[in-house]
N, C-alpha and C. Protein backbone atom coordinates (compact mmCIF):
# COMPACT_ATOMS: atom_id res chain seq x y z
N MET A 1 8.07 35.05 22.73
CA MET A 1 7.83 34.21 21.98
C MET A 1 9.00 33.37 21.76
N ILE A 2 8.80 31.90 21.51
CA ILE A 2 10.05 31.00 21.44
C ILE A 2 9.80 30.54 19.95
N TYR A 3 11.06 30.65 19.23
CA TYR A 3 11.10 30.06 17.84
C TYR A 3 12.14 28.53 18.14
N LEU A 4 11.35 27.79 17.45
CA LEU A 4 12.03 26.38 17.38
C LEU A 4 12.55 26.30 15.85
N SER A 5 13.75 25.79 15.67
CA SER A 5 14.18 25.53 14.25
C SER A 5 14.71 23.89 14.40
N VAL A 6 14.39 23.21 13.24
CA VAL A 6 14.83 21.73 13.13
C VAL A 6 16.00 21.87 12.19
N GLN A 7 16.89 21.27 12.66
CA GLN A 7 18.33 21.13 11.65
C GLN A 7 18.15 19.79 10.84
N PRO A 8 18.52 20.16 9.56
CA PRO A 8 18.35 18.94 8.83
C PRO A 8 19.32 17.91 9.71
N GLY A 9 18.48 16.73 9.62
CA GLY A 9 19.31 15.48 10.13
C GLY A 9 19.13 15.28 11.31
N SER A 10 18.28 16.59 12.22
CA SER A 10 17.95 16.15 13.67
C SER A 10 16.89 15.43 14.04
N GLU A 11 16.14 15.06 12.93
CA GLU A 11 14.76 14.20 13.36
C GLU A 11 15.26 12.88 12.95
N PRO A 12 14.92 11.88 13.70
CA PRO A 12 15.06 10.41 13.55
C PRO A 12 14.68 9.84 12.43
N ASP A 13 15.48 9.15 11.62
CA ASP A 13 15.07 8.39 10.35
C ASP A 13 14.54 7.26 10.63
N HIS A 14 13.47 7.22 10.04
CA HIS A 14 12.42 6.03 10.41
C HIS A 14 12.01 5.39 8.96
N ALA A 15 13.02 5.55 8.21
CA ALA A 15 12.56 4.98 6.94
C ALA A 15 12.93 3.39 6.65
N ALA A 16 13.59 2.89 7.30
CA ALA A 16 13.72 1.29 7.51
C ALA A 16 12.44 0.70 8.06
N GLU A 17 11.97 1.41 9.44
CA GLU A 17 10.92 1.09 10.13
C GLU A 17 9.64 1.00 8.97
N ARG A 18 9.71 2.21 8.47
CA ARG A 18 8.58 2.47 7.68
C ARG A 18 8.30 1.53 6.55
N ARG A 19 9.46 1.13 5.99
CA ARG A 19 9.61 0.28 4.74
C ARG A 19 9.15 -1.07 5.43
N ALA A 20 9.36 -1.62 6.72
CA ALA A 20 9.38 -2.88 7.25
C ALA A 20 7.69 -2.88 7.68
N THR A 21 7.38 -1.77 8.20
CA THR A 21 5.70 -1.69 8.28
C THR A 21 4.90 -2.00 7.24
N ILE A 22 5.35 -1.40 6.11
CA ILE A 22 4.42 -1.32 4.86
C ILE A 22 4.66 -2.74 4.31
N ARG A 23 5.77 -3.58 4.26
CA ARG A 23 5.87 -4.85 4.10
C ARG A 23 5.05 -5.87 4.97
N ARG A 24 5.09 -5.68 6.21
CA ARG A 24 4.41 -6.42 7.05
C ARG A 24 2.67 -6.05 6.88
N TYR A 25 2.37 -4.91 6.46
CA TYR A 25 1.14 -4.70 6.33
C TYR A 25 0.47 -5.55 5.15
N PHE A 26 1.05 -5.36 3.86
CA PHE A 26 0.66 -6.41 2.97
C PHE A 26 0.68 -7.72 3.15
N ALA A 27 1.82 -8.29 3.68
CA ALA A 27 1.88 -9.68 3.97
C ALA A 27 0.83 -10.25 5.19
N ALA A 28 0.52 -9.17 5.95
CA ALA A 28 -0.71 -9.57 7.05
C ALA A 28 -2.09 -9.74 6.26
N VAL A 29 -2.33 -8.89 5.19
CA VAL A 29 -3.33 -8.85 4.27
C VAL A 29 -3.46 -10.14 3.84
N GLN A 30 -2.13 -10.59 2.97
CA GLN A 30 -1.99 -11.90 2.17
C GLN A 30 -2.31 -13.19 3.13
N ASP A 31 -1.62 -13.08 4.12
CA ASP A 31 -1.69 -14.34 5.13
C ASP A 31 -3.12 -14.41 6.09
N GLY A 32 -3.78 -13.28 6.04
CA GLY A 32 -5.11 -13.29 6.91
C GLY A 32 -4.79 -13.05 8.35
N ASP A 33 -3.49 -12.38 8.56
CA ASP A 33 -3.22 -12.17 9.85
C ASP A 33 -3.99 -11.05 10.62
N TYR A 34 -5.09 -11.04 10.75
CA TYR A 34 -5.68 -9.90 11.29
C TYR A 34 -5.30 -9.09 12.62
N SER A 35 -4.44 -9.86 13.50
CA SER A 35 -4.36 -9.42 14.77
C SER A 35 -2.97 -8.36 14.21
N SER A 36 -2.22 -8.96 13.21
CA SER A 36 -0.98 -7.82 13.07
C SER A 36 -1.40 -6.67 12.07
N LEU A 37 -2.67 -6.70 11.54
CA LEU A 37 -3.32 -5.55 10.76
C LEU A 37 -3.78 -4.71 11.98
N LEU A 38 -4.28 -4.96 13.09
CA LEU A 38 -4.91 -4.11 14.09
C LEU A 38 -3.48 -3.63 14.77
N GLU A 39 -2.28 -4.25 14.76
CA GLU A 39 -1.33 -3.59 15.32
C GLU A 39 -0.71 -2.77 14.45
N LEU A 40 -0.79 -2.72 13.23
CA LEU A 40 -0.06 -1.90 12.37
C LEU A 40 -0.99 -0.43 11.85
N LEU A 41 -2.15 -0.65 11.83
CA LEU A 41 -2.99 0.48 11.76
C LEU A 41 -3.59 1.04 12.98
N THR A 42 -3.78 2.33 12.77
CA THR A 42 -4.07 3.35 13.83
C THR A 42 -5.86 2.94 14.08
N PRO A 43 -6.27 2.84 15.11
CA PRO A 43 -7.49 2.42 15.49
C PRO A 43 -8.56 3.36 14.30
N ASP A 44 -8.26 4.53 14.15
CA ASP A 44 -9.11 5.22 13.17
C ASP A 44 -8.79 5.34 11.78
N ALA A 45 -7.81 4.35 11.23
CA ALA A 45 -7.23 4.39 10.13
C ALA A 45 -8.44 4.58 8.99
N ILE A 46 -8.02 4.88 7.90
CA ILE A 46 -8.98 5.18 6.78
C ILE A 46 -8.14 4.19 5.59
N THR A 47 -8.97 3.75 4.79
CA THR A 47 -8.59 3.15 3.55
C THR A 47 -9.41 3.68 2.40
N ARG A 48 -9.05 3.97 1.55
CA ARG A 48 -9.73 4.89 0.33
C ARG A 48 -9.41 4.04 -1.02
N TRP A 49 -10.60 3.61 -1.63
CA TRP A 49 -10.22 3.15 -3.17
C TRP A 49 -10.84 3.91 -4.00
N PRO A 50 -10.38 5.09 -4.67
CA PRO A 50 -11.11 6.12 -5.27
C PRO A 50 -11.91 5.64 -6.57
N GLN A 51 -11.21 4.40 -6.89
CA GLN A 51 -11.81 3.73 -8.45
C GLN A 51 -13.17 3.30 -8.27
N SER A 52 -13.54 2.68 -6.88
CA SER A 52 -14.86 2.45 -6.62
C SER A 52 -15.55 3.16 -5.69
N SER A 53 -15.06 4.40 -5.37
CA SER A 53 -15.95 5.37 -4.42
C SER A 53 -16.05 4.76 -2.99
N GLU A 54 -15.07 4.07 -2.94
CA GLU A 54 -15.23 3.39 -1.56
C GLU A 54 -14.32 3.80 -0.35
N ARG A 55 -14.74 4.22 0.74
CA ARG A 55 -13.70 4.89 1.93
C ARG A 55 -14.07 3.65 3.13
N ILE A 56 -13.23 3.06 3.61
CA ILE A 56 -13.12 2.31 4.85
C ILE A 56 -12.56 2.98 6.10
N THR A 57 -13.49 3.12 7.01
CA THR A 57 -13.41 3.91 8.24
C THR A 57 -13.05 2.99 9.44
N ARG A 58 -11.64 3.11 9.99
CA ARG A 58 -11.63 2.29 11.27
C ARG A 58 -10.85 1.03 10.82
N ALA A 59 -9.97 0.66 11.49
CA ALA A 59 -8.77 -0.59 11.47
C ALA A 59 -10.00 -1.60 11.49
N LEU A 60 -10.84 -1.88 12.34
CA LEU A 60 -11.74 -3.08 12.17
C LEU A 60 -12.56 -3.33 11.11
N SER A 61 -13.01 -2.20 10.48
CA SER A 61 -13.60 -2.46 9.25
C SER A 61 -12.75 -2.87 8.26
N CYS A 62 -11.71 -2.35 8.20
CA CYS A 62 -10.62 -2.73 7.12
C CYS A 62 -10.16 -4.28 7.19
N VAL A 63 -10.19 -4.87 8.46
CA VAL A 63 -9.90 -6.17 8.77
C VAL A 63 -11.16 -6.90 8.22
N GLN A 64 -12.37 -6.50 8.53
CA GLN A 64 -13.51 -7.25 8.11
C GLN A 64 -13.75 -7.10 6.59
N VAL A 65 -13.19 -6.22 5.85
CA VAL A 65 -13.32 -6.20 4.24
C VAL A 65 -12.17 -7.16 4.06
N HIS A 66 -11.09 -7.31 4.44
CA HIS A 66 -10.08 -8.29 4.00
C HIS A 66 -10.53 -9.82 4.35
N ARG A 67 -11.08 -9.81 5.57
CA ARG A 67 -11.48 -11.22 6.05
C ARG A 67 -12.45 -11.94 5.20
N ASN A 68 -13.52 -10.76 4.73
CA ASN A 68 -14.72 -11.46 3.98
C ASN A 68 -14.48 -11.25 2.45
N TYR A 69 -13.20 -11.37 1.67
CA TYR A 69 -13.01 -11.05 0.59
C TYR A 69 -13.37 -12.24 -0.08
N PRO A 70 -14.18 -12.37 -1.20
CA PRO A 70 -14.53 -13.54 -1.62
C PRO A 70 -13.22 -14.09 -2.54
N GLY A 71 -13.06 -15.60 -2.34
CA GLY A 71 -12.16 -16.31 -3.11
C GLY A 71 -10.81 -15.98 -2.16
N GLY A 72 -10.86 -15.21 -1.12
CA GLY A 72 -9.58 -15.12 -0.18
C GLY A 72 -8.71 -13.92 -0.77
N PRO A 73 -7.97 -13.39 0.05
CA PRO A 73 -7.01 -12.41 -0.21
C PRO A 73 -5.96 -12.55 -1.49
N PRO A 74 -5.58 -11.60 -2.23
CA PRO A 74 -4.71 -11.81 -3.32
C PRO A 74 -3.08 -12.25 -2.62
N THR A 75 -2.33 -12.54 -3.77
CA THR A 75 -0.99 -12.65 -3.19
C THR A 75 -0.27 -11.49 -3.67
N TYR A 76 0.40 -10.94 -2.92
CA TYR A 76 1.28 -9.65 -3.05
C TYR A 76 2.75 -9.73 -3.73
N ARG A 77 3.33 -8.87 -4.52
CA ARG A 77 4.59 -8.84 -4.87
C ARG A 77 5.01 -7.37 -4.50
N VAL A 78 5.63 -7.01 -3.56
CA VAL A 78 5.94 -5.67 -3.46
C VAL A 78 7.13 -5.36 -3.92
N ASP A 79 6.89 -4.45 -5.23
CA ASP A 79 8.08 -4.02 -6.31
C ASP A 79 8.83 -2.90 -5.68
N ARG A 80 8.29 -2.10 -5.03
CA ARG A 80 9.06 -0.82 -4.66
C ARG A 80 8.41 -0.12 -3.53
N ILE A 81 9.05 0.24 -2.65
CA ILE A 81 8.54 1.24 -1.55
C ILE A 81 9.50 2.49 -1.59
N SER A 82 9.02 3.59 -1.44
CA SER A 82 9.74 5.06 -1.64
C SER A 82 8.88 5.98 -0.60
N GLY A 83 9.68 6.88 -0.15
CA GLY A 83 8.97 7.81 0.69
C GLY A 83 9.85 8.50 1.76
N GLU A 84 9.21 9.48 2.74
CA GLU A 84 10.21 9.91 3.52
C GLU A 84 9.22 10.49 4.66
N GLY A 85 9.60 10.63 5.86
CA GLY A 85 8.55 11.19 6.77
C GLY A 85 7.37 10.30 7.07
N ASN A 86 6.24 10.99 6.86
CA ASN A 86 5.05 10.35 7.18
C ASN A 86 4.31 9.90 5.69
N ALA A 87 4.81 10.00 4.65
CA ALA A 87 4.40 10.19 3.52
C ALA A 87 5.07 8.79 2.55
N TRP A 88 4.61 7.99 2.16
CA TRP A 88 5.19 6.66 1.52
C TRP A 88 4.23 6.09 0.47
N VAL A 89 4.72 5.70 -0.54
CA VAL A 89 4.22 5.12 -1.66
C VAL A 89 4.75 3.41 -1.93
N ALA A 90 3.78 2.83 -2.15
CA ALA A 90 4.22 1.31 -2.48
C ALA A 90 3.71 0.79 -3.92
N GLU A 91 4.32 0.10 -4.65
CA GLU A 91 4.12 -0.27 -6.12
C GLU A 91 4.03 -1.76 -6.04
N LEU A 92 3.16 -2.33 -6.40
CA LEU A 92 2.85 -3.95 -5.96
C LEU A 92 1.95 -4.35 -7.10
N VAL A 93 2.33 -5.52 -7.27
CA VAL A 93 1.60 -6.65 -8.11
C VAL A 93 0.88 -7.59 -7.40
N ALA A 94 -0.81 -7.60 -7.47
CA ALA A 94 -1.54 -8.43 -6.92
C ALA A 94 -2.21 -9.60 -7.68
N GLU A 95 -2.09 -10.64 -7.31
CA GLU A 95 -2.63 -11.98 -8.14
C GLU A 95 -3.99 -12.37 -7.38
N TYR A 96 -5.03 -12.42 -8.10
CA TYR A 96 -6.35 -12.64 -7.70
C TYR A 96 -6.52 -14.17 -8.59
N GLY A 97 -6.24 -15.18 -8.21
CA GLY A 97 -6.12 -16.36 -9.09
C GLY A 97 -5.58 -15.98 -10.44
N GLU A 98 -6.25 -16.11 -11.51
CA GLU A 98 -5.70 -15.82 -12.76
C GLU A 98 -5.50 -14.44 -13.00
N ASP A 99 -5.90 -13.54 -12.45
CA ASP A 99 -6.14 -11.87 -12.60
C ASP A 99 -4.93 -11.45 -12.03
N ARG A 100 -4.07 -10.58 -12.77
CA ARG A 100 -2.74 -9.86 -12.29
C ARG A 100 -3.41 -8.27 -12.21
N TRP A 101 -3.11 -7.61 -11.08
CA TRP A 101 -3.60 -6.18 -10.87
C TRP A 101 -2.24 -5.51 -10.46
N HIS A 102 -2.20 -4.23 -11.00
CA HIS A 102 -1.06 -3.50 -10.62
C HIS A 102 -1.86 -2.33 -9.59
N ILE A 103 -0.73 -2.31 -8.52
CA ILE A 103 -1.41 -1.32 -7.28
C ILE A 103 -0.45 -0.27 -7.03
N VAL A 104 -0.90 1.06 -6.81
CA VAL A 104 -0.18 1.81 -6.13
C VAL A 104 -0.72 2.48 -4.96
N SER A 105 0.00 2.38 -3.84
CA SER A 105 -0.64 2.78 -2.56
C SER A 105 -0.01 3.77 -1.81
N LEU A 106 -0.83 4.97 -1.66
CA LEU A 106 -0.21 6.03 -0.94
C LEU A 106 -0.54 5.78 0.54
N ILE A 107 0.55 5.78 1.53
CA ILE A 107 0.54 5.50 2.50
C ILE A 107 1.01 6.40 3.60
N GLU A 108 0.12 6.81 4.46
CA GLU A 108 0.53 8.02 5.50
C GLU A 108 0.55 7.41 7.00
N PHE A 109 1.61 7.81 7.64
CA PHE A 109 1.60 7.29 9.01
C PHE A 109 1.64 8.17 10.04
N ASP A 110 0.93 7.77 11.23
CA ASP A 110 0.76 8.64 12.37
C ASP A 110 1.79 7.93 13.31
N GLY A 111 2.78 8.44 13.82
CA GLY A 111 3.88 7.84 14.62
C GLY A 111 4.27 6.42 13.87
N PRO A 112 4.23 5.38 14.65
CA PRO A 112 4.81 4.00 13.95
C PRO A 112 3.81 3.30 13.09
N ARG A 113 2.44 3.69 13.07
CA ARG A 113 1.20 3.16 12.57
C ARG A 113 0.93 3.73 11.43
N ILE A 114 0.27 3.15 10.63
CA ILE A 114 -0.41 3.58 9.20
C ILE A 114 -2.00 4.19 9.70
N ALA A 115 -2.00 5.44 9.10
CA ALA A 115 -3.14 5.90 9.47
C ALA A 115 -4.06 6.06 8.44
N ARG A 116 -3.58 6.12 7.18
CA ARG A 116 -4.41 6.33 5.90
C ARG A 116 -3.56 5.52 4.77
N ILE A 117 -4.43 4.88 3.88
CA ILE A 117 -3.95 4.40 2.72
C ILE A 117 -4.83 4.75 1.40
N THR A 118 -4.36 5.13 0.32
CA THR A 118 -5.41 5.42 -0.60
C THR A 118 -4.71 4.55 -1.67
N ASP A 119 -5.38 3.48 -2.43
CA ASP A 119 -5.16 2.44 -3.45
C ASP A 119 -5.61 2.73 -4.56
N TYR A 120 -4.71 2.68 -5.49
CA TYR A 120 -4.83 2.93 -7.03
C TYR A 120 -4.80 1.61 -7.61
N PHE A 121 -5.63 1.23 -8.39
CA PHE A 121 -5.23 -0.23 -8.94
C PHE A 121 -6.22 -0.50 -10.19
N GLY A 122 -5.36 -1.34 -11.01
CA GLY A 122 -5.79 -1.35 -12.55
C GLY A 122 -5.30 -2.87 -12.95
N PRO A 123 -5.83 -3.59 -13.96
CA PRO A 123 -5.70 -4.93 -14.31
C PRO A 123 -4.51 -4.93 -15.44
N SER A 124 -3.66 -5.82 -15.48
CA SER A 124 -2.97 -5.91 -16.71
C SER A 124 -3.53 -6.09 -17.97
N VAL A 125 -3.26 -5.26 -18.90
CA VAL A 125 -3.67 -5.27 -20.14
C VAL A 125 -2.63 -5.29 -21.10
N PRO A 126 -3.12 -6.04 -22.46
CA PRO A 126 -1.99 -6.03 -23.37
C PRO A 126 -1.72 -4.64 -23.93
N ALA A 127 -0.35 -4.64 -24.39
CA ALA A 127 0.05 -3.17 -25.19
C ALA A 127 -0.38 -3.21 -26.61
N PRO A 128 -1.12 -2.08 -26.92
CA PRO A 128 -1.37 -1.87 -28.29
C PRO A 128 -0.18 -1.81 -29.34
N GLU A 129 -0.44 -2.57 -30.50
CA GLU A 129 0.69 -2.63 -31.33
C GLU A 129 1.16 -1.32 -31.92
N TRP A 130 0.09 -0.37 -32.09
CA TRP A 130 0.66 1.14 -32.68
C TRP A 130 1.99 1.62 -32.07
N ARG A 131 2.31 1.51 -30.80
CA ARG A 131 3.31 2.04 -30.27
C ARG A 131 4.53 1.16 -30.09
N GLN A 132 4.38 -0.15 -30.47
CA GLN A 132 5.38 -0.92 -30.30
C GLN A 132 6.86 -0.71 -30.55
N GLU A 133 7.07 0.02 -31.84
CA GLU A 133 8.23 0.53 -32.00
C GLU A 133 9.19 1.62 -31.05
N TRP A 134 8.34 2.17 -30.14
CA TRP A 134 8.82 3.15 -29.09
C TRP A 134 8.96 2.69 -27.80
N VAL A 135 8.63 1.40 -27.31
CA VAL A 135 8.51 0.99 -26.13
C VAL A 135 9.46 -0.37 -25.97
N GLU A 136 9.68 -0.52 -24.56
CA GLU A 136 9.96 -1.76 -24.20
C GLU A 136 9.18 -2.50 -23.09
N TYR A 137 9.28 -3.67 -23.17
CA TYR A 137 8.60 -4.41 -22.26
C TYR A 137 8.95 -4.86 -21.04
N GLU A 138 8.40 -4.53 -19.86
CA GLU A 138 8.82 -4.91 -18.70
C GLU A 138 8.57 -6.42 -18.10
N ALA A 139 9.27 -7.06 -17.43
CA ALA A 139 9.34 -8.28 -17.01
C ALA A 139 7.95 -8.52 -16.22
N ALA A 140 7.40 -7.47 -15.45
CA ALA A 140 6.17 -7.64 -14.71
C ALA A 140 4.96 -8.15 -15.58
N ASN A 141 4.93 -7.86 -16.81
CA ASN A 141 3.60 -8.45 -17.37
C ASN A 141 4.01 -9.25 -18.45
N ALA A 142 5.24 -9.89 -18.30
CA ALA A 142 5.78 -10.89 -19.45
C ALA A 142 5.24 -12.34 -19.07
């Protein structure tokens, strides 16, 4: 029997490449750069939108959804990317015309490409007055 051990720091650090891939993905969606999307996604990539009970299977289907979005794609502002290894999280603000949506994307990699994305999204809403004395307001909604 052979035992292999992985020493801390012995695996290559792909953090900068993962962050760049995530930024390229959202830029490609926003810019309608469908050839880049196909490069960034694995051919059998899955995109999940639990709030609407939708699952998009395969990179080509994902491209078609973005290509046919009524009114065109949103503009994105990527506020934060964090993660390690193959599991990453992106926090974004998306503008759909006058509507602002907040998005959290759970992104999983297979090698250098994105294999799975699960997006959670919600619209900007006014804060209720009852908790005003205990909170601070962030610039994202100002």
